Amino acid sequence: KDSFEDYIGMSESDYDVSLIMKAQNTYRDLLIYQAIAEQEGITVDAAYYKGVLVNDGHDEGYYDTQVEMYGEPRVLQMALKEKVLDSVCEMAKVQ
């Protein structure tokens, strides 16, 4: 590829706009998960998420690896998102 546009398929400014939009959507979604968690009294901690990961087939050190890569706040945020989605699915009534 000879240029950024050839490689990415869009101009650098369009790419920048797409990154901003993606970030805004991600943070909006995280705020929605947080609001649902607060409304429903859903919480997570390291012990809870370690158990989830082990139940999903990961070794006991996987949580620590994730924390090293992303930081504990982000890892717990991912855990909260999963727990909220599970809770919402359990509450859903399919007709």
PDB file of N, CA and C in Angstrom:
ATOM      1  N   LYS A   1       0.850  -1.182   0.000  1.00  0.00           N
ATOM      2  CA  LYS A   1       0.000   0.000   0.000  1.00  0.00           C
ATOM      3  C   LYS A   1       0.890   1.237   0.000  1.00  0.00           C
ATOM      4  N   ASP A   2       0.481   2.200  -0.779  1.00  0.00           N
ATOM      5  CA  ASP A   2       1.288   3.401  -0.955  1.00  0.00           C
ATOM      6  C   ASP A   2       0.915   4.538  -0.009  1.00  0.00           C
ATOM      7  N   SER A   3      -0.287   4.483   0.552  1.00  0.00           N
ATOM      8  CA  SER A   3      -0.717   5.596   1.406  1.00  0.00           C
ATOM      9  C   SER A   3      -1.612   5.077   2.526  1.00  0.00           C
ATOM     10  N   PHE A   4      -1.847   5.947   3.472  1.00  0.00           N
ATOM     11  CA  PHE A   4      -2.759   5.637   4.575  1.00  0.00           C
ATOM     12  C   PHE A   4      -4.124   5.262   4.021  1.00  0.00           C
ATOM     13  N   GLU A   5      -4.599   6.065   3.067  1.00  0.00           N
ATOM     14  CA  GLU A   5      -5.928   5.825   2.497  1.00  0.00           C
ATOM     15  C   GLU A   5      -5.986   4.481   1.768  1.00  0.00           C
ATOM     16  N   ASP A   6      -4.929   4.116   1.062  1.00  0.00           N
ATOM     17  CA  ASP A   6      -4.900   2.816   0.399  1.00  0.00           C
ATOM     18  C   ASP A   6      -4.941   1.679   1.418  1.00  0.00           C
ATOM     19  N   TYR A   7      -4.234   1.864   2.515  1.00  0.00           N
ATOM     20  CA  TYR A   7      -4.139   0.821   3.528  1.00  0.00           C
ATOM     21  C   TYR A   7      -5.432   0.679   4.329  1.00  0.00           C
ATOM     22  N   ILE A   8      -5.996   1.795   4.762  1.00  0.00           N
ATOM     23  CA  ILE A   8      -7.178   1.788   5.629  1.00  0.00           C
ATOM     24  C   ILE A   8      -8.481   1.800   4.831  1.00  0.00           C
ATOM     25  N   GLY A   9      -8.462   2.395   3.671  1.00  0.00           N
ATOM     26  CA  GLY A   9      -9.670   2.475   2.856  1.00  0.00           C
ATOM     27  C   GLY A   9     -10.466   3.743   3.060  1.00  0.00           C
ATOM     28  N   MET A  10      -9.888   4.698   3.775  1.00  0.00           N
ATOM     29  CA  MET A  10     -10.529   5.999   3.978  1.00  0.00           C
ATOM     30  C   MET A  10      -9.445   7.014   4.296  1.00  0.00           C
ATOM     31  N   SER A  11      -9.813   8.277   4.198  1.00  0.00           N
ATOM     32  CA  SER A  11      -8.844   9.328   4.485  1.00  0.00           C
ATOM     33  C   SER A  11      -8.498   9.334   5.968  1.00  0.00           C
ATOM     34  N   GLU A  12      -7.392   9.964   6.281  1.00  0.00           N
ATOM     35  CA  GLU A  12      -6.981  10.032   7.683  1.00  0.00           C
ATOM     36  C   GLU A  12      -8.003  10.791   8.517  1.00  0.00           C
ATOM     37  N   SER A  13      -8.569  11.856   7.966  1.00  0.00           N
ATOM     38  CA  SER A  13      -9.567  12.617   8.732  1.00  0.00           C
ATOM     39  C   SER A  13     -10.848  11.812   8.927  1.00  0.00           C
ATOM     40  N   ASP A  14     -11.271  11.052   7.909  1.00  0.00           N
ATOM     41  CA  ASP A  14     -12.448  10.194   8.066  1.00  0.00           C
ATOM     42  C   ASP A  14     -12.186   9.098   9.092  1.00  0.00           C
ATOM     43  N   TYR A  15     -10.972   8.569   9.082  1.00  0.00           N
ATOM     44  CA  TYR A  15     -10.587   7.554  10.060  1.00  0.00           C
ATOM     45  C   TYR A  15     -10.632   8.124  11.474  1.00  0.00           C
ATOM     46  N   ASP A  16     -10.111   9.345  11.644  1.00  0.00           N
ATOM     47  CA  ASP A  16     -10.156  10.002  12.957  1.00  0.00           C
ATOM     48  C   ASP A  16     -11.595  10.169  13.434  1.00  0.00           C
ATOM     49  N   VAL A  17     -12.480  10.584  12.536  1.00  0.00           N
ATOM     50  CA  VAL A  17     -13.897  10.749  12.883  1.00  0.00           C
ATOM     51  C   VAL A  17     -14.495   9.400  13.284  1.00  0.00           C
ATOM     52  N   SER A  18     -14.141   8.333  12.559  1.00  0.00           N
ATOM     53  CA  SER A  18     -14.684   7.015  12.889  1.00  0.00           C
ATOM     54  C   SER A  18     -14.209   6.549  14.262  1.00  0.00           C
ATOM     55  N   LEU A  19     -12.964   6.864  14.623  1.00  0.00           N
ATOM     56  CA  LEU A  19     -12.458   6.507  15.952  1.00  0.00           C
ATOM     57  C   LEU A  19     -13.198   7.264  17.046  1.00  0.00           C
ATOM     58  N   ILE A  20     -13.462   8.529  16.822  1.00  0.00           N
ATOM     59  CA  ILE A  20     -14.191   9.336  17.807  1.00  0.00           C
ATOM     60  C   ILE A  20     -15.601   8.781  17.989  1.00  0.00           C
ATOM     61  N   MET A  21     -16.265   8.457  16.889  1.00  0.00           N
ATOM     62  CA  MET A  21     -17.621   7.912  16.980  1.00  0.00           C
ATOM     63  C   MET A  21     -17.625   6.574  17.705  1.00  0.00           C
ATOM     64  N   LYS A  22     -16.646   5.738  17.419  1.00  0.00           N
ATOM     65  CA  LYS A  22     -16.566   4.440  18.089  1.00  0.00           C
ATOM     66  C   LYS A  22     -16.362   4.621  19.586  1.00  0.00           C
ATOM     67  N   ALA A  23     -15.487   5.548  19.968  1.00  0.00           N
ATOM     68  CA  ALA A  23     -15.247   5.814  21.394  1.00  0.00           C
ATOM     69  C   ALA A  23     -16.515   6.333  22.069  1.00  0.00           C
ATOM     70  N   GLN A  24     -17.214   7.258  21.404  1.00  0.00           N
ATOM     71  CA  GLN A  24     -18.445   7.792  21.978  1.00  0.00           C
ATOM     72  C   GLN A  24     -19.484   6.689  22.175  1.00  0.00           C
ATOM     73  N   ASN A  25     -19.629   5.809  21.204  1.00  0.00           N
ATOM     74  CA  ASN A  25     -20.585   4.705  21.321  1.00  0.00           C
ATOM     75  C   ASN A  25     -20.193   3.745  22.432  1.00  0.00           C
ATOM     76  N   THR A  26     -18.908   3.459  22.543  1.00  0.00           N
ATOM     77  CA  THR A  26     -18.429   2.564  23.592  1.00  0.00           C
ATOM     78  C   THR A  26     -18.729   3.144  24.968  1.00  0.00           C
ATOM     79  N   TYR A  27     -18.415   4.408  25.177  1.00  0.00           N
ATOM     80  CA  TYR A  27     -18.656   5.015  26.481  1.00  0.00           C
ATOM     81  C   TYR A  27     -20.135   5.176  26.777  1.00  0.00           C
ATOM     82  N   ARG A  28     -20.936   5.435  25.767  1.00  0.00           N
ATOM     83  CA  ARG A  28     -22.389   5.495  25.970  1.00  0.00           C
ATOM     84  C   ARG A  28     -22.889   4.134  26.454  1.00  0.00           C
ATOM     85  N   ASP A  29     -22.435   3.073  25.788  1.00  0.00           N
ATOM     86  CA  ASP A  29     -22.843   1.727  26.177  1.00  0.00           C
ATOM     87  C   ASP A  29     -22.408   1.404  27.603  1.00  0.00           C
ATOM     88  N   LEU A  30     -21.174   1.773  27.957  1.00  0.00           N
ATOM     89  CA  LEU A  30     -20.690   1.504  29.313  1.00  0.00           C
ATOM     90  C   LEU A  30     -21.518   2.243  30.352  1.00  0.00           C
ATOM     91  N   LEU A  31     -21.949   3.456  30.040  1.00  0.00           N
ATOM     92  CA  LEU A  31     -22.809   4.197  30.963  1.00  0.00           C
ATOM     93  C   LEU A  31     -24.168   3.520  31.115  1.00  0.00           C
ATOM     94  N   ILE A  32     -24.665   2.948  30.030  1.00  0.00           N
ATOM     95  CA  ILE A  32     -25.937   2.220  30.098  1.00  0.00           C
ATOM     96  C   ILE A  32     -25.798   0.989  30.988  1.00  0.00           C
ATOM     97  N   TYR A  33     -24.703   0.219  30.803  1.00  0.00           N
ATOM     98  CA  TYR A  33     -24.474  -0.948  31.656  1.00  0.00           C
ATOM     99  C   TYR A  33     -24.363  -0.532  33.117  1.00  0.00           C
ATOM    100  N   GLN A  34     -23.659   0.567  33.377  1.00  0.00           N
ATOM    101  CA  GLN A  34     -23.498   1.050  34.747  1.00  0.00           C
ATOM    102  C   GLN A  34     -24.845   1.445  35.346  1.00  0.00           C
ATOM    103  N   ALA A  35     -25.669   2.112  34.568  1.00  0.00           N
ATOM    104  CA  ALA A  35     -26.989   2.529  35.060  1.00  0.00           C
ATOM    105  C   ALA A  35     -27.858   1.317  35.380  1.00  0.00           C
ATOM    106  N   ILE A  36     -27.838   0.322  34.513  1.00  0.00           N
ATOM    107  CA  ILE A  36     -28.610  -0.902  34.773  1.00  0.00           C
ATOM    108  C   ILE A  36     -28.085  -1.592  36.024  1.00  0.00           C
ATOM    109  N   ALA A  37     -26.770  -1.674  36.158  1.00  0.00           N
ATOM    110  CA  ALA A  37     -26.173  -2.320  37.332  1.00  0.00           C
ATOM    111  C   ALA A  37     -26.608  -1.616  38.608  1.00  0.00           C
ATOM    112  N   GLU A  38     -26.571  -0.297  38.597  1.00  0.00           N
ATOM    113  CA  GLU A  38     -26.980   0.458  39.785  1.00  0.00           C
ATOM    114  C   GLU A  38     -28.464   0.246  40.077  1.00  0.00           C
ATOM    115  N   GLN A  39     -29.292   0.266  39.053  1.00  0.00           N
ATOM    116  CA  GLN A  39     -30.736   0.092  39.221  1.00  0.00           C
ATOM    117  C   GLN A  39     -31.073  -1.294  39.771  1.00  0.00           C
ATOM    118  N   GLU A  40     -30.352  -2.303  39.305  1.00  0.00           N
ATOM    119  CA  GLU A  40     -30.642  -3.682  39.676  1.00  0.00           C
ATOM    120  C   GLU A  40     -29.795  -4.185  40.844  1.00  0.00           C
ATOM    121  N   GLY A  41     -28.902  -3.355  41.349  1.00  0.00           N
ATOM    122  CA  GLY A  41     -28.052  -3.765  42.459  1.00  0.00           C
ATOM    123  C   GLY A  41     -27.007  -4.806  42.071  1.00  0.00           C
ATOM    124  N   ILE A  42     -26.555  -4.748  40.846  1.00  0.00           N
ATOM    125  CA  ILE A  42     -25.571  -5.706  40.342  1.00  0.00           C
ATOM    126  C   ILE A  42     -24.173  -5.189  40.638  1.00  0.00           C
ATOM    127  N   THR A  43     -23.351  -6.032  41.238  1.00  0.00           N
ATOM    128  CA  THR A  43     -21.969  -5.663  41.528  1.00  0.00           C
ATOM    129  C   THR A  43     -21.045  -6.802  41.135  1.00  0.00           C
ATOM    130  N   VAL A  44     -19.785  -6.477  40.956  1.00  0.00           N
ATOM    131  CA  VAL A  44     -18.760  -7.485  40.690  1.00  0.00           C
ATOM    132  C   VAL A  44     -17.514  -7.125  41.486  1.00  0.00           C
ATOM    133  N   ASP A  45     -16.714  -8.132  41.769  1.00  0.00           N
ATOM    134  CA  ASP A  45     -15.402  -7.906  42.368  1.00  0.00           C
ATOM    135  C   ASP A  45     -14.446  -8.929  41.781  1.00  0.00           C
ATOM    136  N   ALA A  46     -13.191  -8.836  42.171  1.00  0.00           N
ATOM    137  CA  ALA A  46     -12.163  -9.715  41.608  1.00  0.00           C
ATOM    138  C   ALA A  46     -12.497 -11.180  41.862  1.00  0.00           C
ATOM    139  N   ALA A  47     -12.924 -11.514  43.060  1.00  0.00           N
ATOM    140  CA  ALA A  47     -13.226 -12.917  43.391  1.00  0.00           C
ATOM    141  C   ALA A  47     -14.344 -13.459  42.502  1.00  0.00           C
ATOM    142  N   TYR A  48     -15.382 -12.656  42.311  1.00  0.00           N
ATOM    143  CA  TYR A  48     -16.490 -13.072  41.441  1.00  0.00           C
ATOM    144  C   TYR A  48     -15.984 -13.359  40.030  1.00  0.00           C
ATOM    145  N   TYR A  49     -15.227 -12.420  39.476  1.00  0.00           N
ATOM    146  CA  TYR A  49     -14.815 -12.568  38.088  1.00  0.00           C
ATOM    147  C   TYR A  49     -13.784 -13.680  37.905  1.00  0.00           C
ATOM    148  N   LYS A  50     -12.936 -13.880  38.904  1.00  0.00           N
ATOM    149  CA  LYS A  50     -12.005 -15.008  38.826  1.00  0.00           C
ATOM    150  C   LYS A  50     -12.783 -16.313  38.722  1.00  0.00           C
ATOM    151  N   GLY A  51     -13.850 -16.433  39.502  1.00  0.00           N
ATOM    152  CA  GLY A  51     -14.696 -17.623  39.447  1.00  0.00           C
ATOM    153  C   GLY A  51     -15.359 -17.799  38.092  1.00  0.00           C
ATOM    154  N   VAL A  52     -15.831 -16.713  37.519  1.00  0.00           N
ATOM    155  CA  VAL A  52     -16.448 -16.772  36.191  1.00  0.00           C
ATOM    156  C   VAL A  52     -15.435 -17.263  35.166  1.00  0.00           C
ATOM    157  N   LEU A  53     -14.242 -16.704  35.222  1.00  0.00           N
ATOM    158  CA  LEU A  53     -13.208 -17.081  34.252  1.00  0.00           C
ATOM    159  C   LEU A  53     -12.820 -18.548  34.385  1.00  0.00           C
ATOM    160  N   VAL A  54     -12.690 -19.022  35.615  1.00  0.00           N
ATOM    161  CA  VAL A  54     -12.359 -20.431  35.830  1.00  0.00           C
ATOM    162  C   VAL A  54     -13.497 -21.317  35.313  1.00  0.00           C
ATOM    163  N   ASN A  55     -14.746 -20.924  35.583  1.00  0.00           N
ATOM    164  CA  ASN A  55     -15.900 -21.690  35.084  1.00  0.00           C
ATOM    165  C   ASN A  55     -15.951 -21.708  33.563  1.00  0.00           C
ATOM    166  N   ASP A  56     -15.415 -20.660  32.938  1.00  0.00           N
ATOM    167  CA  ASP A  56     -15.377 -20.588  31.473  1.00  0.00           C
ATOM    168  C   ASP A  56     -14.195 -21.357  30.884  1.00  0.00           C
ATOM    169  N   GLY A  57     -13.383 -21.985  31.749  1.00  0.00           N
ATOM    170  CA  GLY A  57     -12.301 -22.816  31.267  1.00  0.00           C
ATOM    171  C   GLY A  57     -10.917 -22.188  31.291  1.00  0.00           C
ATOM    172  N   HIS A  58     -10.805 -20.989  31.822  1.00  0.00           N
ATOM    173  CA  HIS A  58      -9.503 -20.336  31.922  1.00  0.00           C
ATOM    174  C   HIS A  58      -8.791 -20.802  33.181  1.00  0.00           C
ATOM    175  N   ASP A  59      -7.460 -20.738  33.166  1.00  0.00           N
ATOM    176  CA  ASP A  59      -6.732 -21.103  34.377  1.00  0.00           C
ATOM    177  C   ASP A  59      -6.837 -19.971  35.396  1.00  0.00           C
ATOM    178  N   GLU A  60      -6.476 -20.254  36.627  1.00  0.00           N
ATOM    179  CA  GLU A  60      -6.657 -19.296  37.716  1.00  0.00           C
ATOM    180  C   GLU A  60      -5.818 -18.032  37.545  1.00  0.00           C
ATOM    181  N   GLY A  61      -4.761 -18.077  36.765  1.00  0.00           N
ATOM    182  CA  GLY A  61      -3.927 -16.901  36.547  1.00  0.00           C
ATOM    183  C   GLY A  61      -4.413 -15.989  35.438  1.00  0.00           C
ATOM    184  N   TYR A  62      -5.470 -16.397  34.731  1.00  0.00           N
ATOM    185  CA  TYR A  62      -5.955 -15.606  33.600  1.00  0.00           C
ATOM    186  C   TYR A  62      -6.417 -14.216  34.040  1.00  0.00           C
ATOM    187  N   TYR A  63      -7.078 -14.142  35.170  1.00  0.00           N
ATOM    188  CA  TYR A  63      -7.535 -12.840  35.678  1.00  0.00           C
ATOM    189  C   TYR A  63      -6.340 -11.900  35.844  1.00  0.00           C
ATOM    190  N   ASP A  64      -5.293 -12.391  36.478  1.00  0.00           N
ATOM    191  CA  ASP A  64      -4.108 -11.555  36.703  1.00  0.00           C
ATOM    192  C   ASP A  64      -3.472 -11.124  35.391  1.00  0.00           C
ATOM    193  N   THR A  65      -3.475 -11.998  34.405  1.00  0.00           N
ATOM    194  CA  THR A  65      -2.953 -11.643  33.083  1.00  0.00           C
ATOM    195  C   THR A  65      -3.778 -10.512  32.471  1.00  0.00           C
ATOM    196  N   GLN A  66      -5.088 -10.615  32.604  1.00  0.00           N
ATOM    197  CA  GLN A  66      -5.967  -9.568  32.083  1.00  0.00           C
ATOM    198  C   GLN A  66      -5.728  -8.242  32.796  1.00  0.00           C
ATOM    199  N   VAL A  67      -5.539  -8.299  34.109  1.00  0.00           N
ATOM    200  CA  VAL A  67      -5.277  -7.085  34.885  1.00  0.00           C
ATOM    201  C   VAL A  67      -3.961  -6.444  34.448  1.00  0.00           C
ATOM    202  N   GLU A  68      -2.956  -7.266  34.198  1.00  0.00           N
ATOM    203  CA  GLU A  68      -1.671  -6.729  33.735  1.00  0.00           C
ATOM    204  C   GLU A  68      -1.821  -6.042  32.382  1.00  0.00           C
ATOM    205  N   MET A  69      -2.657  -6.606  31.524  1.00  0.00           N
ATOM    206  CA  MET A  69      -2.826  -6.055  30.181  1.00  0.00           C
ATOM    207  C   MET A  69      -3.692  -4.799  30.163  1.00  0.00           C
ATOM    208  N   TYR A  70      -4.791  -4.811  30.915  1.00  0.00           N
ATOM    209  CA  TYR A  70      -5.794  -3.759  30.800  1.00  0.00           C
ATOM    210  C   TYR A  70      -5.974  -2.912  32.054  1.00  0.00           C
ATOM    211  N   GLY A  71      -5.497  -3.386  33.179  1.00  0.00           N
ATOM    212  CA  GLY A  71      -5.740  -2.713  34.449  1.00  0.00           C
ATOM    213  C   GLY A  71      -6.997  -3.248  35.092  1.00  0.00           C
ATOM    214  N   GLU A  72      -7.002  -3.286  36.418  1.00  0.00           N
ATOM    215  CA  GLU A  72      -8.141  -3.881  37.116  1.00  0.00           C
ATOM    216  C   GLU A  72      -9.453  -3.135  36.885  1.00  0.00           C
ATOM    217  N   PRO A  73      -9.475  -1.788  36.841  1.00  0.00           N
ATOM    218  CA  PRO A  73     -10.764  -1.130  36.585  1.00  0.00           C
ATOM    219  C   PRO A  73     -11.407  -1.562  35.268  1.00  0.00           C
ATOM    220  N   ARG A  74     -10.610  -1.693  34.218  1.00  0.00           N
ATOM    221  CA  ARG A  74     -11.157  -2.105  32.917  1.00  0.00           C
ATOM    222  C   ARG A  74     -11.633  -3.559  32.964  1.00  0.00           C
ATOM    223  N   VAL A  75     -10.877  -4.422  33.619  1.00  0.00           N
ATOM    224  CA  VAL A  75     -11.260  -5.834  33.717  1.00  0.00           C
ATOM    225  C   VAL A  75     -12.579  -5.965  34.480  1.00  0.00           C
ATOM    226  N   LEU A  76     -12.707  -5.238  35.576  1.00  0.00           N
ATOM    227  CA  LEU A  76     -13.957  -5.300  36.346  1.00  0.00           C
ATOM    228  C   LEU A  76     -15.105  -4.659  35.580  1.00  0.00           C
ATOM    229  N   GLN A  77     -14.799  -3.680  34.768  1.00  0.00           N
ATOM    230  CA  GLN A  77     -15.824  -3.072  33.916  1.00  0.00           C
ATOM    231  C   GLN A  77     -16.339  -4.108  32.903  1.00  0.00           C
ATOM    232  N   MET A  78     -15.433  -4.891  32.333  1.00  0.00           N
ATOM    233  CA  MET A  78     -15.834  -5.960  31.408  1.00  0.00           C
ATOM    234  C   MET A  78     -16.684  -7.006  32.138  1.00  0.00           C
ATOM    235  N   ALA A  79     -16.301  -7.318  33.370  1.00  0.00           N
ATOM    236  CA  ALA A  79     -17.061  -8.290  34.167  1.00  0.00           C
ATOM    237  C   ALA A  79     -18.460  -7.769  34.455  1.00  0.00           C
ATOM    238  N   LEU A  80     -18.555  -6.490  34.787  1.00  0.00           N
ATOM    239  CA  LEU A  80     -19.858  -5.889  35.069  1.00  0.00           C
ATOM    240  C   LEU A  80     -20.742  -5.936  33.830  1.00  0.00           C
ATOM    241  N   LYS A  81     -20.171  -5.625  32.686  1.00  0.00           N
ATOM    242  CA  LYS A  81     -20.930  -5.672  31.433  1.00  0.00           C
ATOM    243  C   LYS A  81     -21.497  -7.072  31.219  1.00  0.00           C
ATOM    244  N   GLU A  82     -20.671  -8.096  31.389  1.00  0.00           N
ATOM    245  CA  GLU A  82     -21.132  -9.473  31.210  1.00  0.00           C
ATOM    246  C   GLU A  82     -22.240  -9.826  32.190  1.00  0.00           C
ATOM    247  N   LYS A  83     -22.069  -9.427  33.444  1.00  0.00           N
ATOM    248  CA  LYS A  83     -23.068  -9.755  34.461  1.00  0.00           C
ATOM    249  C   LYS A  83     -24.382  -9.031  34.196  1.00  0.00           C
ATOM    250  N   VAL A  84     -24.308  -7.791  33.752  1.00  0.00           N
ATOM    251  CA  VAL A  84     -25.519  -7.033  33.408  1.00  0.00           C
ATOM    252  C   VAL A  84     -26.220  -7.691  32.228  1.00  0.00           C
ATOM    253  N   LEU A  85     -25.473  -8.058  31.204  1.00  0.00           N
ATOM    254  CA  LEU A  85     -26.086  -8.701  30.038  1.00  0.00           C
ATOM    255  C   LEU A  85     -26.739 -10.020  30.424  1.00  0.00           C
ATOM    256  N   ASP A  86     -26.086 -10.796  31.272  1.00  0.00           N
ATOM    257  CA  ASP A  86     -26.680 -12.043  31.748  1.00  0.00           C
ATOM    258  C   ASP A  86     -27.983 -11.774  32.495  1.00  0.00           C
ATOM    259  N   SER A  87     -27.969 -10.759  33.341  1.00  0.00           N
ATOM    260  CA  SER A  87     -29.150 -10.411  34.128  1.00  0.00           C
ATOM    261  C   SER A  87     -30.302  -9.964  33.229  1.00  0.00           C
ATOM    262  N   VAL A  88     -29.998  -9.131  32.248  1.00  0.00           N
ATOM    263  CA  VAL A  88     -31.030  -8.649  31.323  1.00  0.00           C
ATOM    264  C   VAL A  88     -31.612  -9.819  30.528  1.00  0.00           C
ATOM    265  N   CYS A  89     -30.758 -10.738  30.094  1.00  0.00           N
ATOM    266  CA  CYS A  89     -31.248 -11.911  29.350  1.00  0.00           C
ATOM    267  C   CYS A  89     -32.161 -12.771  30.215  1.00  0.00           C
ATOM    268  N   GLU A  90     -31.813 -12.914  31.495  1.00  0.00           N
ATOM    269  CA  GLU A  90     -32.649 -13.695  32.406  1.00  0.00           C
ATOM    270  C   GLU A  90     -34.008 -13.042  32.620  1.00  0.00           C
ATOM    271  N   MET A  91     -34.057 -11.709  32.605  1.00  0.00           N
ATOM    272  CA  MET A  91     -35.298 -10.979  32.829  1.00  0.00           C
ATOM    273  C   MET A  91     -36.162 -10.900  31.571  1.00  0.00           C
ATOM    274  N   ALA A  92     -35.576 -11.116  30.416  1.00  0.00           N
ATOM    275  CA  ALA A  92     -36.303 -10.967  29.142  1.00  0.00           C
ATOM    276  C   ALA A  92     -37.374 -12.040  29.017  1.00  0.00           C
ATOM    277  N   LYS A  93     -38.506 -11.630  28.501  1.00  0.00           N
ATOM    278  CA  LYS A  93     -39.610 -12.556  28.254  1.00  0.00           C
ATOM    279  C   LYS A  93     -39.811 -12.625  26.747  1.00  0.00           C
ATOM    280  N   VAL A  94     -39.581 -13.792  26.206  1.00  0.00           N
ATOM    281  CA  VAL A  94     -39.742 -13.996  24.773  1.00  0.00           C
ATOM    282  C   VAL A  94     -41.097 -14.607  24.528  1.00  0.00           C
ATOM    283  N   GLN A  95     -41.841 -13.978  23.645  1.00  0.00           N
ATOM    284  CA  GLN A  95     -43.204 -14.477  23.375  1.00  0.00           C
ATOM    285  C   GLN A  95     -43.277 -15.045  21.980  1.00  0.00           C
TER     286      GLN A  95
END
